[in-house]
């Protein structure tokens, strides 16, 4: 049921000197980041450093104005591209604050999205079996699938719903914007397991997080630290472990 699209770019995601603002406030001040195909990269940083703004700019959120630099995905310049075109290229995001969609069930939304991705209609029985299997794997009750998307969901249910969508759509590249925030340890393990499965299947991953705890279950290829709208340091998992022990102060002096 999944459709694989050939990778055309040298780097799956390539961001050069990205600058952005909201109203008159500059937030991104020259972000440079390259993620090769199939790699998992993590962005950490203190509150207000621009991490979530970066994710929103990659996905062309209208609240933010890009004032300089470029964003390339799989060889395509997506700096000014619309979110639906970006999604069609195979780049998807699990949002930090998922929106409620009253009247549209989780199953119906996912069936439409998957059909659009494949370019063909999917038999309801086949899709129903697939989504039910995935939901059970994520320890979601059967009635969850018939509920309106995110309408009345708890914080943890919203995060699981976002990850469920990405797991079924199997993107080339997935951005997780603080998906681990507010989760109990059981939910955290489930979501980390789904991220690992996407990564093992060939999806590139960009994970934005405040905390090192989710990295206990993941093995990123690189860890980057953002501060005041720029990436100020890059390293491997040891960098995240150092931040967990010592905080950010030594890095941002």
C-alpha atoms as a PDB file:
ATOM      1  CA  UNK A   1       0.000   0.000   0.000  1.00  0.00           C
ATOM      2  CA  UNK A   2       2.959   2.348   0.377  1.00  0.00           C
ATOM      3  CA  UNK A   3       4.354   4.172  -2.587  1.00  0.00           C
ATOM      4  CA  UNK A   4       8.095   4.717  -2.786  1.00  0.00           C
ATOM      5  CA  UNK A   5       9.322   7.768  -4.716  1.00  0.00           C
ATOM      6  CA  UNK A   6      12.891   7.916  -5.956  1.00  0.00           C
ATOM      7  CA  UNK A   7      15.218  10.259  -4.089  1.00  0.00           C
ATOM      8  CA  UNK A   8      16.740  12.815  -6.442  1.00  0.00           C
ATOM      9  CA  UNK A   9      18.684  15.165  -4.185  1.00  0.00           C
ATOM     10  CA  UNK A  10      22.173  14.706  -2.698  1.00  0.00           C
ATOM     11  CA  UNK A  11      20.839  15.856   0.669  1.00  0.00           C
ATOM     12  CA  UNK A  12      17.252  15.025   1.487  1.00  0.00           C
ATOM     13  CA  UNK A  13      16.869  18.330   3.361  1.00  0.00           C
ATOM     14  CA  UNK A  14      19.182  21.262   2.728  1.00  0.00           C
ATOM     15  CA  UNK A  15      18.666  24.588   4.527  1.00  0.00           C
ATOM     16  CA  UNK A  16      20.958  27.513   3.745  1.00  0.00           C
ATOM     17  CA  UNK A  17      21.149  30.766   5.716  1.00  0.00           C
ATOM     18  CA  UNK A  18      17.441  30.639   6.567  1.00  0.00           C
ATOM     19  CA  UNK A  19      16.050  33.818   8.091  1.00  0.00           C
ATOM     20  CA  UNK A  20      12.476  34.359   9.227  1.00  0.00           C
ATOM     21  CA  UNK A  21      10.319  36.685  11.297  1.00  0.00           C
ATOM     22  CA  UNK A  22       6.841  36.976  12.754  1.00  0.00           C
ATOM     23  CA  UNK A  23       5.503  40.513  12.407  1.00  0.00           C
ATOM     24  CA  UNK A  24       8.581  42.629  13.237  1.00  0.00           C
ATOM     25  CA  UNK A  25      10.334  40.069  15.427  1.00  0.00           C
ATOM     26  CA  UNK A  26      13.295  38.259  13.860  1.00  0.00           C
ATOM     27  CA  UNK A  27      13.405  34.619  14.968  1.00  0.00           C
ATOM     28  CA  UNK A  28      15.620  32.705  12.556  1.00  0.00           C
ATOM     29  CA  UNK A  29      18.899  34.501  11.914  1.00  0.00           C
ATOM     30  CA  UNK A  30      20.772  32.300   9.467  1.00  0.00           C
ATOM     31  CA  UNK A  31      20.052  28.597   9.990  1.00  0.00           C
ATOM     32  CA  UNK A  32      22.203  26.111   8.058  1.00  0.00           C
ATOM     33  CA  UNK A  33      21.318  22.427   8.153  1.00  0.00           C
ATOM     34  CA  UNK A  34      21.805  19.454   5.843  1.00  0.00           C
ATOM     35  CA  UNK A  35      20.272  16.016   6.366  1.00  0.00           C
ATOM     36  CA  UNK A  36      21.391  13.218   4.000  1.00  0.00           C
ATOM     37  CA  UNK A  37      18.823  10.629   2.839  1.00  0.00           C
ATOM     38  CA  UNK A  38      17.696   8.217   5.533  1.00  0.00           C
ATOM     39  CA  UNK A  39      19.442   9.938   8.448  1.00  0.00           C
ATOM     40  CA  UNK A  40      17.906  10.910  11.789  1.00  0.00           C
ATOM     41  CA  UNK A  41      18.854  14.351  13.080  1.00  0.00           C
ATOM     42  CA  UNK A  42      17.808  15.951  16.360  1.00  0.00           C
ATOM     43  CA  UNK A  43      17.498  19.670  17.131  1.00  0.00           C
ATOM     44  CA  UNK A  44      17.654  20.732  20.775  1.00  0.00           C
ATOM     45  CA  UNK A  45      17.817  24.111  22.448  1.00  0.00           C
ATOM     46  CA  UNK A  46      16.366  26.278  25.202  1.00  0.00           C
ATOM     47  CA  UNK A  47      12.893  27.817  24.973  1.00  0.00           C
ATOM     48  CA  UNK A  48      12.648  30.589  22.405  1.00  0.00           C
ATOM     49  CA  UNK A  49      15.661  29.473  20.391  1.00  0.00           C
ATOM     50  CA  UNK A  50      13.685  29.048  17.149  1.00  0.00           C
ATOM     51  CA  UNK A  51      13.319  25.269  16.958  1.00  0.00           C
ATOM     52  CA  UNK A  52       9.580  25.133  16.297  1.00  0.00           C
ATOM     53  CA  UNK A  53       9.770  28.197  14.049  1.00  0.00           C
ATOM     54  CA  UNK A  54      12.254  26.304  11.895  1.00  0.00           C
ATOM     55  CA  UNK A  55       9.846  23.382  11.575  1.00  0.00           C
ATOM     56  CA  UNK A  56       6.955  25.692  10.691  1.00  0.00           C
ATOM     57  CA  UNK A  57       9.025  27.522   8.075  1.00  0.00           C
ATOM     58  CA  UNK A  58      10.057  24.255   6.433  1.00  0.00           C
ATOM     59  CA  UNK A  59       6.357  23.487   6.068  1.00  0.00           C
ATOM     60  CA  UNK A  60       5.435  27.029   4.895  1.00  0.00           C
ATOM     61  CA  UNK A  61       3.288  28.051   7.850  1.00  0.00           C
ATOM     62  CA  UNK A  62       1.679  31.394   6.837  1.00  0.00           C
ATOM     63  CA  UNK A  63       2.298  32.988  10.252  1.00  0.00           C
ATOM     64  CA  UNK A  64       6.028  33.189   9.568  1.00  0.00           C
ATOM     65  CA  UNK A  65       7.693  35.272   6.855  1.00  0.00           C
ATOM     66  CA  UNK A  66      10.893  33.922   5.349  1.00  0.00           C
ATOM     67  CA  UNK A  67      13.130  36.918   4.736  1.00  0.00           C
ATOM     68  CA  UNK A  68      16.251  35.191   3.447  1.00  0.00           C
ATOM     69  CA  UNK A  69      17.891  31.893   2.599  1.00  0.00           C
ATOM     70  CA  UNK A  70      16.562  28.734   0.958  1.00  0.00           C
ATOM     71  CA  UNK A  71      14.997  25.388   1.843  1.00  0.00           C
ATOM     72  CA  UNK A  72      15.542  22.470  -0.516  1.00  0.00           C
ATOM     73  CA  UNK A  73      13.906  19.072  -0.186  1.00  0.00           C
ATOM     74  CA  UNK A  74      14.929  16.123  -2.351  1.00  0.00           C
ATOM     75  CA  UNK A  75      16.376  18.471  -4.969  1.00  0.00           C
ATOM     76  CA  UNK A  76      13.348  20.806  -5.038  1.00  0.00           C
ATOM     77  CA  UNK A  77      13.351  24.395  -3.813  1.00  0.00           C
ATOM     78  CA  UNK A  78      10.401  24.506  -1.393  1.00  0.00           C
ATOM     79  CA  UNK A  79      11.164  27.890   0.185  1.00  0.00           C
ATOM     80  CA  UNK A  80       7.929  29.419  -1.125  1.00  0.00           C
ATOM     81  CA  UNK A  81       6.039  26.211  -1.910  1.00  0.00           C
ATOM     82  CA  UNK A  82       2.569  25.539  -0.482  1.00  0.00           C
ATOM     83  CA  UNK A  83       2.135  22.937   2.286  1.00  0.00           C
ATOM     84  CA  UNK A  84       0.100  20.600   0.058  1.00  0.00           C
ATOM     85  CA  UNK A  85       2.826  20.601  -2.619  1.00  0.00           C
ATOM     86  CA  UNK A  86       5.459  19.941   0.052  1.00  0.00           C
ATOM     87  CA  UNK A  87       3.427  17.000   1.342  1.00  0.00           C
ATOM     88  CA  UNK A  88       3.090  15.614  -2.174  1.00  0.00           C
ATOM     89  CA  UNK A  89       6.891  15.580  -2.434  1.00  0.00           C
ATOM     90  CA  UNK A  90       6.974  13.259   0.590  1.00  0.00           C
ATOM     91  CA  UNK A  91       7.714  15.648   3.456  1.00  0.00           C
ATOM     92  CA  UNK A  92       5.275  15.432   6.395  1.00  0.00           C
ATOM     93  CA  UNK A  93       5.193  16.812   9.917  1.00  0.00           C
ATOM     94  CA  UNK A  94       3.790  15.838  13.304  1.00  0.00           C
ATOM     95  CA  UNK A  95       2.782  19.171  14.794  1.00  0.00           C
ATOM     96  CA  UNK A  96       3.496  20.354  18.316  1.00  0.00           C
ATOM     97  CA  UNK A  97      -0.125  21.518  18.717  1.00  0.00           C
ATOM     98  CA  UNK A  98      -2.335  19.415  16.402  1.00  0.00           C
ATOM     99  CA  UNK A  99      -5.599  21.069  15.357  1.00  0.00           C
ATOM    100  CA  UNK A 100      -9.013  19.536  16.009  1.00  0.00           C
ATOM    101  CA  UNK A 101     -11.155  18.627  12.984  1.00  0.00           C
ATOM    102  CA  UNK A 102     -14.740  18.127  14.201  1.00  0.00           C
ATOM    103  CA  UNK A 103     -16.876  15.909  11.981  1.00  0.00           C
ATOM    104  CA  UNK A 104     -13.954  14.177  10.267  1.00  0.00           C
ATOM    105  CA  UNK A 105     -13.052  10.819  11.776  1.00  0.00           C
ATOM    106  CA  UNK A 106      -9.485   9.610  12.166  1.00  0.00           C
ATOM    107  CA  UNK A 107     -10.194   6.740   9.751  1.00  0.00           C
ATOM    108  CA  UNK A 108     -11.771   8.907   7.040  1.00  0.00           C
ATOM    109  CA  UNK A 109      -8.990  11.468   7.129  1.00  0.00           C
ATOM    110  CA  UNK A 110      -6.315   8.807   6.893  1.00  0.00           C
ATOM    111  CA  UNK A 111      -8.112   6.987   4.078  1.00  0.00           C
ATOM    112  CA  UNK A 112      -8.322  10.202   2.041  1.00  0.00           C
ATOM    113  CA  UNK A 113      -4.693  11.095   2.745  1.00  0.00           C
ATOM    114  CA  UNK A 114      -3.435   7.618   1.855  1.00  0.00           C
ATOM    115  CA  UNK A 115      -5.509   7.504  -1.347  1.00  0.00           C
ATOM    116  CA  UNK A 116      -4.100  10.882  -2.391  1.00  0.00           C
ATOM    117  CA  UNK A 117      -0.573   9.694  -1.687  1.00  0.00           C
ATOM    118  CA  UNK A 118      -1.004   6.554  -3.786  1.00  0.00           C
ATOM    119  CA  UNK A 119      -3.049   8.246  -6.482  1.00  0.00           C
ATOM    120  CA  UNK A 120      -5.703   5.531  -6.314  1.00  0.00           C
ATOM    121  CA  UNK A 121      -8.666   4.497  -4.190  1.00  0.00           C
ATOM    122  CA  UNK A 122      -8.012   1.921  -1.476  1.00  0.00           C
ATOM    123  CA  UNK A 123     -10.601  -0.787  -0.708  1.00  0.00           C
ATOM    124  CA  UNK A 124     -12.210   0.139   2.610  1.00  0.00           C
ATOM    125  CA  UNK A 125     -11.805  -3.358   4.055  1.00  0.00           C
ATOM    126  CA  UNK A 126      -8.084  -3.492   3.238  1.00  0.00           C
ATOM    127  CA  UNK A 127      -7.452  -0.034   4.677  1.00  0.00           C
ATOM    128  CA  UNK A 128      -9.617  -0.713   7.731  1.00  0.00           C
ATOM    129  CA  UNK A 129      -7.595  -3.792   8.611  1.00  0.00           C
ATOM    130  CA  UNK A 130      -4.328  -1.910   8.187  1.00  0.00           C
ATOM    131  CA  UNK A 131      -5.282   1.063  10.325  1.00  0.00           C
ATOM    132  CA  UNK A 132      -6.811  -1.122  13.060  1.00  0.00           C
ATOM    133  CA  UNK A 133      -3.630  -3.187  13.244  1.00  0.00           C
ATOM    134  CA  UNK A 134      -1.485  -0.065  13.534  1.00  0.00           C
ATOM    135  CA  UNK A 135      -3.770   1.501  16.151  1.00  0.00           C
ATOM    136  CA  UNK A 136      -3.642  -1.615  18.337  1.00  0.00           C
ATOM    137  CA  UNK A 137       0.135  -1.676  18.019  1.00  0.00           C
ATOM    138  CA  UNK A 138       0.146   1.878  19.382  1.00  0.00           C
ATOM    139  CA  UNK A 139      -2.235   0.831  22.185  1.00  0.00           C
ATOM    140  CA  UNK A 140      -5.103   2.968  20.901  1.00  0.00           C
ATOM    141  CA  UNK A 141      -8.663   1.676  21.518  1.00  0.00           C
ATOM    142  CA  UNK A 142     -10.813   0.699  18.502  1.00  0.00           C
ATOM    143  CA  UNK A 143     -13.281   3.539  19.156  1.00  0.00           C
ATOM    144  CA  UNK A 144     -10.425   6.021  18.760  1.00  0.00           C
ATOM    145  CA  UNK A 145     -10.577   5.526  14.986  1.00  0.00           C
ATOM    146  CA  UNK A 146     -14.234   6.591  14.726  1.00  0.00           C
ATOM    147  CA  UNK A 147     -13.785   9.787  16.749  1.00  0.00           C
ATOM    148  CA  UNK A 148     -13.359  13.204  15.132  1.00  0.00           C
ATOM    149  CA  UNK A 149      -9.667  13.953  14.669  1.00  0.00           C
ATOM    150  CA  UNK A 150      -8.198  15.491  17.835  1.00  0.00           C
ATOM    151  CA  UNK A 151     -11.657  16.616  18.989  1.00  0.00           C
ATOM    152  CA  UNK A 152     -11.685  16.094  22.752  1.00  0.00           C
ATOM    153  CA  UNK A 153      -8.433  14.117  22.621  1.00  0.00           C
ATOM    154  CA  UNK A 154      -5.998  14.248  25.514  1.00  0.00           C
ATOM    155  CA  UNK A 155      -2.534  15.641  24.830  1.00  0.00           C
ATOM    156  CA  UNK A 156      -1.101  12.134  24.583  1.00  0.00           C
ATOM    157  CA  UNK A 157      -3.881  10.993  22.224  1.00  0.00           C
ATOM    158  CA  UNK A 158      -3.222  13.946  19.931  1.00  0.00           C
ATOM    159  CA  UNK A 159       0.477  13.071  19.744  1.00  0.00           C
ATOM    160  CA  UNK A 160      -0.331   9.419  19.061  1.00  0.00           C
ATOM    161  CA  UNK A 161      -2.797  10.435  16.338  1.00  0.00           C
ATOM    162  CA  UNK A 162      -0.100  12.502  14.617  1.00  0.00           C
ATOM    163  CA  UNK A 163       2.386   9.631  14.730  1.00  0.00           C
ATOM    164  CA  UNK A 164      -0.281   7.154  13.576  1.00  0.00           C
ATOM    165  CA  UNK A 165      -0.802   9.282  10.471  1.00  0.00           C
ATOM    166  CA  UNK A 166       2.906   9.393   9.654  1.00  0.00           C
ATOM    167  CA  UNK A 167       3.292   5.659  10.268  1.00  0.00           C
ATOM    168  CA  UNK A 168       0.571   4.885   7.729  1.00  0.00           C
ATOM    169  CA  UNK A 169       1.609   7.485   5.136  1.00  0.00           C
ATOM    170  CA  UNK A 170       5.279   6.379   5.200  1.00  0.00           C
ATOM    171  CA  UNK A 171       6.856   9.696   4.099  1.00  0.00           C
ATOM    172  CA  UNK A 172      10.295  10.182   2.612  1.00  0.00           C
ATOM    173  CA  UNK A 173      11.011  12.573   5.446  1.00  0.00           C
ATOM    174  CA  UNK A 174       9.184  13.227   8.724  1.00  0.00           C
ATOM    175  CA  UNK A 175       9.534  16.190  11.082  1.00  0.00           C
ATOM    176  CA  UNK A 176       8.507  15.644  14.699  1.00  0.00           C
ATOM    177  CA  UNK A 177       7.999  18.994  16.436  1.00  0.00           C
ATOM    178  CA  UNK A 178       8.237  18.316  20.182  1.00  0.00           C
ATOM    179  CA  UNK A 179       6.091  15.211  19.783  1.00  0.00           C
ATOM    180  CA  UNK A 180       7.546  13.888  23.045  1.00  0.00           C
ATOM    181  CA  UNK A 181       6.399  16.816  25.197  1.00  0.00           C
ATOM    182  CA  UNK A 182       3.855  15.968  27.881  1.00  0.00           C
ATOM    183  CA  UNK A 183       3.990  12.198  27.322  1.00  0.00           C
ATOM    184  CA  UNK A 184       4.158   9.600  30.073  1.00  0.00           C
ATOM    185  CA  UNK A 185       6.875   6.986  29.832  1.00  0.00           C
ATOM    186  CA  UNK A 186       4.671   4.351  28.179  1.00  0.00           C
ATOM    187  CA  UNK A 187       3.455   6.715  25.456  1.00  0.00           C
ATOM    188  CA  UNK A 188       7.021   7.942  24.955  1.00  0.00           C
ATOM    189  CA  UNK A 189       8.250   4.393  24.315  1.00  0.00           C
ATOM    190  CA  UNK A 190       5.446   3.765  21.819  1.00  0.00           C
ATOM    191  CA  UNK A 191       6.127   6.942  19.865  1.00  0.00           C
ATOM    192  CA  UNK A 192       9.882   6.372  19.914  1.00  0.00           C
ATOM    193  CA  UNK A 193       9.259   2.863  18.568  1.00  0.00           C
ATOM    194  CA  UNK A 194       7.240   4.257  15.652  1.00  0.00           C
ATOM    195  CA  UNK A 195       9.949   6.805  14.868  1.00  0.00           C
ATOM    196  CA  UNK A 196      12.516   3.997  14.853  1.00  0.00           C
ATOM    197  CA  UNK A 197      10.360   1.946  12.466  1.00  0.00           C
ATOM    198  CA  UNK A 198       9.993   4.861  10.053  1.00  0.00           C
ATOM    199  CA  UNK A 199      13.738   5.408  10.180  1.00  0.00           C
ATOM    200  CA  UNK A 200      14.483   1.705   9.653  1.00  0.00           C
ATOM    201  CA  UNK A 201      12.172   1.789   6.614  1.00  0.00           C
ATOM    202  CA  UNK A 202      14.267   4.522   4.987  1.00  0.00           C
ATOM    203  CA  UNK A 203      12.493   7.719   6.076  1.00  0.00           C
ATOM    204  CA  UNK A 204      14.645  10.684   6.993  1.00  0.00           C
ATOM    205  CA  UNK A 205      13.836  12.103  10.423  1.00  0.00           C
ATOM    206  CA  UNK A 206      14.164  15.558  11.968  1.00  0.00           C
ATOM    207  CA  UNK A 207      13.212  15.449  15.648  1.00  0.00           C
ATOM    208  CA  UNK A 208      12.811  18.683  17.593  1.00  0.00           C
ATOM    209  CA  UNK A 209      12.863  18.279  21.355  1.00  0.00           C
ATOM    210  CA  UNK A 210      13.670  20.021  24.634  1.00  0.00           C
ATOM    211  CA  UNK A 211      14.746  16.894  26.434  1.00  0.00           C
ATOM    212  CA  UNK A 212      17.213  14.059  26.096  1.00  0.00           C
ATOM    213  CA  UNK A 213      14.828  11.434  27.487  1.00  0.00           C
ATOM    214  CA  UNK A 214      13.372  10.347  24.117  1.00  0.00           C
ATOM    215  CA  UNK A 215      16.935   9.807  22.888  1.00  0.00           C
ATOM    216  CA  UNK A 216      17.193   6.922  25.353  1.00  0.00           C
ATOM    217  CA  UNK A 217      15.123   5.017  22.774  1.00  0.00           C
ATOM    218  CA  UNK A 218      16.584   6.498  19.563  1.00  0.00           C
ATOM    219  CA  UNK A 219      19.998   6.546  17.894  1.00  0.00           C
ATOM    220  CA  UNK A 220      20.307   9.799  15.931  1.00  0.00           C
ATOM    221  CA  UNK A 221      23.028  10.323  13.353  1.00  0.00           C
ATOM    222  CA  UNK A 222      23.507  13.903  14.511  1.00  0.00           C
ATOM    223  CA  UNK A 223      22.408  16.289  17.266  1.00  0.00           C
ATOM    224  CA  UNK A 224      22.249  20.064  16.711  1.00  0.00           C
ATOM    225  CA  UNK A 225      21.828  22.836  19.270  1.00  0.00           C
ATOM    226  CA  UNK A 226      19.871  25.987  18.391  1.00  0.00           C
ATOM    227  CA  UNK A 227      20.212  29.273  20.223  1.00  0.00           C
ATOM    228  CA  UNK A 228      18.941  32.726  19.286  1.00  0.00           C
ATOM    229  CA  UNK A 229      17.851  31.645  15.833  1.00  0.00           C
ATOM    230  CA  UNK A 230      20.996  29.788  14.758  1.00  0.00           C
ATOM    231  CA  UNK A 231      22.519  26.328  15.041  1.00  0.00           C
ATOM    232  CA  UNK A 232      25.511  26.941  17.281  1.00  0.00           C
ATOM    233  CA  UNK A 233      26.823  23.415  17.787  1.00  0.00           C
ATOM    234  CA  UNK A 234      26.521  19.987  16.165  1.00  0.00           C
ATOM    235  CA  UNK A 235      27.651  16.584  17.341  1.00  0.00           C
ATOM    236  CA  UNK A 236      26.435  13.082  18.078  1.00  0.00           C
ATOM    237  CA  UNK A 237      24.348  11.594  20.881  1.00  0.00           C
ATOM    238  CA  UNK A 238      27.037  12.405  23.434  1.00  0.00           C
ATOM    239  CA  UNK A 239      26.186  16.084  22.900  1.00  0.00           C
ATOM    240  CA  UNK A 240      22.594  15.447  24.014  1.00  0.00           C
ATOM    241  CA  UNK A 241      23.824  13.497  27.027  1.00  0.00           C
ATOM    242  CA  UNK A 242      26.103  16.376  27.995  1.00  0.00           C
ATOM    243  CA  UNK A 243      23.177  18.816  27.777  1.00  0.00           C
ATOM    244  CA  UNK A 244      21.089  16.532  29.986  1.00  0.00           C
ATOM    245  CA  UNK A 245      23.799  16.613  32.676  1.00  0.00           C
ATOM    246  CA  UNK A 246      25.054  20.186  32.380  1.00  0.00           C
ATOM    247  CA  UNK A 247      22.299  22.181  30.642  1.00  0.00           C
ATOM    248  CA  UNK A 248      22.848  24.692  27.855  1.00  0.00           C
ATOM    249  CA  UNK A 249      24.766  27.388  29.720  1.00  0.00           C
ATOM    250  CA  UNK A 250      28.276  26.263  28.776  1.00  0.00           C
ATOM    251  CA  UNK A 251      27.242  26.075  25.107  1.00  0.00           C
ATOM    252  CA  UNK A 252      25.700  29.530  24.873  1.00  0.00           C
ATOM    253  CA  UNK A 253      28.251  31.608  26.777  1.00  0.00           C
END
